[in-house]
């Protein structure tokens, strides 16, 4: 029989709950495009219609490991988001702004 998460959580130690919450937060912060689209409850067909491409083009896009920044920006915008590019260093994070001008020109 399935148990409710609240029941399982009640049996967990405070340390286990903290660890579980940290994992959940980390997983929410890192997603592949396909996972992001699924989390937004959007189908490939719906995204394809917004981008005005075939569904097969969305599938190919989701499995690419290299693409133009403009392509990624259009895809994120079609999902209702905004692309920001950041460089992460031990000393801190820097937002890269040189691509923002190109977005304004599109």
Protein backbone atom coordinates (compact mmCIF):
# COMPACT_ATOMS: atom_id res chain seq x y z
CA UNK A 1 0.00 0.00 0.00
CA UNK A 2 1.29 3.46 -0.88
CA UNK A 3 2.21 5.73 1.99
CA UNK A 4 1.94 9.50 2.07
CA UNK A 5 5.18 11.47 2.02
CA UNK A 6 4.23 13.18 5.30
CA UNK A 7 4.17 9.75 6.98
CA UNK A 8 7.60 8.89 5.65
CA UNK A 9 8.98 12.31 6.59
CA UNK A 10 7.63 11.96 10.13
CA UNK A 11 9.82 8.89 10.60
CA UNK A 12 12.97 10.69 9.33
CA UNK A 13 15.57 12.32 11.54
CA UNK A 14 16.14 16.08 11.32
CA UNK A 15 19.49 15.39 9.61
CA UNK A 16 17.83 13.18 6.98
CA UNK A 17 15.19 15.82 6.29
CA UNK A 18 17.87 18.50 5.91
CA UNK A 19 19.85 16.27 3.53
CA UNK A 20 16.71 15.46 1.53
CA UNK A 21 15.82 19.15 1.27
CA UNK A 22 19.34 19.98 0.05
CA UNK A 23 19.16 17.30 -2.65
CA UNK A 24 15.72 18.52 -3.72
CA UNK A 25 16.96 22.12 -4.01
CA UNK A 26 20.03 21.06 -6.00
CA UNK A 27 17.92 18.98 -8.39
CA UNK A 28 15.53 21.89 -8.96
CA UNK A 29 18.46 24.13 -9.82
CA UNK A 30 19.94 21.84 -12.48
CA UNK A 31 17.91 20.41 -15.34
CA UNK A 32 18.40 19.40 -18.92
CA UNK A 33 16.10 21.12 -21.45
CA UNK A 34 13.86 18.06 -21.68
CA UNK A 35 13.52 17.88 -17.89
CA UNK A 36 12.74 21.60 -17.76
CA UNK A 37 10.07 21.28 -20.45
CA UNK A 38 8.54 18.30 -18.61
CA UNK A 39 8.61 20.16 -15.28
CA UNK A 40 6.68 22.97 -16.96
CA UNK A 41 4.15 20.34 -18.17
CA UNK A 42 4.77 21.27 -21.78
CA UNK A 43 4.87 18.75 -24.61
CA UNK A 44 7.39 18.75 -27.42
CA UNK A 45 4.51 19.52 -29.79
CA UNK A 46 3.45 22.58 -27.78
CA UNK A 47 7.00 23.88 -27.69
CA UNK A 48 7.38 23.20 -31.41
CA UNK A 49 4.25 25.23 -32.16
CA UNK A 50 5.55 28.17 -30.13
CA UNK A 51 8.94 27.98 -31.86
CA UNK A 52 7.26 27.43 -35.25
CA UNK A 53 9.25 24.26 -35.95
CA UNK A 54 8.47 20.56 -36.26
CA UNK A 55 8.25 18.38 -33.14
CA UNK A 56 11.28 16.44 -34.40
CA UNK A 57 13.34 19.67 -34.28
CA UNK A 58 12.48 20.06 -30.59
CA UNK A 59 13.55 16.48 -29.94
CA UNK A 60 16.88 17.09 -31.68
CA UNK A 61 17.35 20.35 -29.79
CA UNK A 62 16.78 18.65 -26.43
CA UNK A 63 19.46 16.08 -27.16
CA UNK A 64 22.13 18.47 -28.47
CA UNK A 65 25.19 19.11 -26.35
CA UNK A 66 26.22 22.19 -28.33
CA UNK A 67 24.04 24.98 -29.76
CA UNK A 68 23.96 28.69 -30.48
CA UNK A 69 23.15 30.98 -27.56
CA UNK A 70 20.38 32.52 -29.69
CA UNK A 71 18.78 29.08 -30.18
CA UNK A 72 18.86 28.36 -26.46
CA UNK A 73 17.49 31.85 -25.72
CA UNK A 74 14.54 31.29 -28.12
CA UNK A 75 13.82 27.89 -26.58
CA UNK A 76 13.82 29.24 -23.02
CA UNK A 77 11.66 32.20 -24.08
CA UNK A 78 9.17 29.80 -25.72
CA UNK A 79 8.87 28.06 -22.34
CA UNK A 80 8.14 31.41 -20.69
CA UNK A 81 11.59 32.08 -19.25
CA UNK A 82 14.56 34.33 -19.80
CA UNK A 83 18.10 33.08 -20.40
CA UNK A 84 20.90 34.45 -18.25
CA UNK A 85 24.50 33.35 -18.74
CA UNK A 86 26.73 33.28 -15.68
CA UNK A 87 30.33 32.31 -15.07
CA UNK A 88 30.93 30.66 -11.71
CA UNK A 89 34.31 31.01 -10.01
CA UNK A 90 35.48 30.10 -6.50
CA UNK A 91 35.50 33.83 -5.74
CA UNK A 92 31.92 34.36 -6.91
CA UNK A 93 29.53 34.46 -9.85
CA UNK A 94 29.60 36.93 -12.75
CA UNK A 95 26.71 37.58 -15.11
CA UNK A 96 27.89 37.64 -18.76
CA UNK A 97 26.07 40.46 -20.55
CA UNK A 98 27.56 40.56 -24.05
CA UNK A 99 24.77 38.37 -25.47
CA UNK A 100 21.97 40.61 -24.18
CA UNK A 101 22.42 43.11 -27.04
CA UNK A 102 21.82 40.32 -29.56
CA UNK A 103 18.58 39.36 -27.79
CA UNK A 104 17.33 42.94 -28.08
CA UNK A 105 18.10 42.93 -31.83
CA UNK A 106 16.09 39.74 -32.53
